[in-house]
Amino acid sequence: MTDLPPDLPRLRTLETWLAYTLDRVRQQIAAAEQREAERRHGEQARPPEPDWLIEQGLDGRQPVYVHVGGCHMAGKRSRGVQRDQALRALTEGVAACTHCQPDTELGYLEG
């Protein structure tokens, strides 16, 4: 006992449908592999996280906080800076983030 049709025309129709379905599955697999490859490439090509951040105020000009790079409290108006720029901002009175404590990380003691 078989669940396939016994006559040639229906078997050919079934074969055509299966070939079409298999082709669609292979296309979906290729598309998923392409997306995965692009995701991996994006992760590898991502620039390194900056060591220090300065967060700008709402006006976009005045710095309001210094952060350690990757601080979860750094806002969207933050930009990466070099160590000497972060230190200079602290000496000029820009507040250190109380969560990541960049002043401690930089060895800055208020004088």
Protein backbone atom coordinates (compact mmCIF):
# COMPACT_ATOMS: atom_id res chain seq x y z
CA MET A 1 0.00 0.00 0.00
CA THR A 2 1.40 3.38 -1.06
CA ASP A 3 0.22 6.96 -0.56
CA LEU A 4 1.39 8.02 -4.03
CA PRO A 5 -0.96 8.12 -7.01
CA PRO A 6 -0.67 5.09 -9.32
CA ASP A 7 -0.93 6.87 -12.68
CA LEU A 8 1.89 8.59 -14.57
CA PRO A 9 0.26 12.01 -15.11
CA ARG A 10 -0.37 12.56 -11.41
CA LEU A 11 3.09 11.25 -10.53
CA ARG A 12 4.63 13.73 -13.00
CA THR A 13 2.55 16.54 -11.49
CA LEU A 14 3.70 15.56 -8.03
CA GLU A 15 7.32 15.43 -9.23
CA THR A 16 7.03 18.92 -10.73
CA TRP A 17 5.51 20.31 -7.52
CA LEU A 18 8.21 18.68 -5.37
CA ALA A 19 10.99 20.04 -7.62
CA TYR A 20 9.46 23.51 -7.44
CA THR A 21 9.11 23.30 -3.65
CA LEU A 22 12.67 22.01 -3.24
CA ASP A 23 13.93 24.91 -5.37
CA ARG A 24 12.06 27.42 -3.17
CA VAL A 25 13.47 25.81 0.00
CA ARG A 26 17.00 26.04 -1.44
CA GLN A 27 16.45 29.71 -2.31
CA GLN A 28 15.32 30.41 1.25
CA ILE A 29 18.35 28.57 2.63
CA ALA A 30 20.65 30.63 0.39
CA ALA A 31 18.98 33.87 1.49
CA ALA A 32 19.27 32.91 5.18
CA GLU A 33 22.95 32.01 4.71
CA GLN A 34 23.54 35.36 2.97
CA ARG A 35 21.90 37.27 5.85
CA GLU A 36 24.00 35.35 8.37
CA ALA A 37 27.20 36.05 6.42
CA GLU A 38 26.32 39.76 6.25
CA ARG A 39 25.59 39.84 9.99
CA ARG A 40 28.95 38.20 10.79
CA HIS A 41 30.77 40.58 8.43
CA GLY A 42 29.04 43.55 10.09
CA GLU A 43 30.16 42.39 13.53
CA GLN A 44 33.75 41.91 12.35
CA ALA A 45 33.84 45.26 10.51
CA ARG A 46 32.37 47.23 13.41
CA PRO A 47 34.83 49.83 14.69
CA PRO A 48 36.14 49.24 18.20
CA GLU A 49 34.30 50.86 21.07
CA PRO A 50 36.02 54.08 22.23
CA ASP A 51 37.76 54.01 25.60
CA TRP A 52 36.27 57.35 26.69
CA LEU A 53 33.10 59.27 25.87
CA ILE A 54 32.01 62.86 26.31
CA GLU A 55 28.26 63.39 26.43
CA GLN A 56 27.02 66.67 25.02
CA GLY A 57 24.12 68.65 26.47
CA LEU A 58 20.81 69.25 24.73
CA ASP A 59 22.29 72.17 22.78
CA GLY A 60 24.90 69.81 21.35
CA ARG A 61 27.79 72.11 22.26
CA GLN A 62 28.35 71.96 26.00
CA PRO A 63 29.84 68.75 27.39
CA VAL A 64 27.93 67.55 30.44
CA TYR A 65 29.46 64.17 31.37
CA VAL A 66 32.59 62.14 30.85
CA HIS A 67 32.03 58.37 30.59
CA VAL A 68 34.13 55.25 30.28
CA GLY A 69 33.53 53.73 26.83
CA GLY A 70 30.56 51.37 26.87
CA CYS A 71 28.91 53.00 29.87
CA HIS A 72 25.22 52.12 29.89
CA MET A 73 24.37 55.63 31.05
CA ALA A 74 26.02 57.40 28.10
CA GLY A 75 23.34 59.10 26.03
CA LYS A 76 22.92 59.29 22.28
CA ARG A 77 24.73 62.63 22.21
CA SER A 78 28.02 60.99 23.26
CA ARG A 79 31.15 60.87 21.15
CA GLY A 80 34.38 58.96 21.54
CA VAL A 81 37.44 60.87 22.68
CA GLN A 82 41.07 60.17 23.51
CA ARG A 83 42.32 59.78 27.07
CA ASP A 84 43.87 63.27 27.18
CA GLN A 85 40.60 64.85 25.99
CA ALA A 86 38.65 63.03 28.71
CA LEU A 87 41.15 64.17 31.35
CA ARG A 88 41.06 67.74 30.06
CA ALA A 89 37.24 67.75 30.22
CA LEU A 90 37.36 66.62 33.85
CA THR A 91 39.91 69.32 34.76
CA GLU A 92 37.68 71.89 33.04
CA GLY A 93 34.76 70.96 35.28
CA VAL A 94 32.79 68.49 33.17
CA ALA A 95 31.09 66.07 35.54
CA ALA A 96 32.24 62.46 35.76
CA CYS A 97 29.50 59.88 35.36
CA THR A 98 28.66 58.46 38.78
CA HIS A 99 27.96 55.02 37.31
CA CYS A 100 31.15 54.27 35.37
CA GLN A 101 33.39 56.67 37.34
CA PRO A 102 35.82 57.72 34.58
CA ASP A 103 37.69 59.98 37.01
CA THR A 104 38.74 56.91 39.00
CA GLU A 105 39.60 54.99 35.84
CA LEU A 106 41.71 57.91 34.61
CA GLY A 107 43.40 58.39 37.98
CA TYR A 108 42.07 61.95 38.20
CA LEU A 109 41.94 63.47 41.66
CA GLU A 110 40.22 66.84 41.98
CA GLY A 111 42.64 69.39 43.15
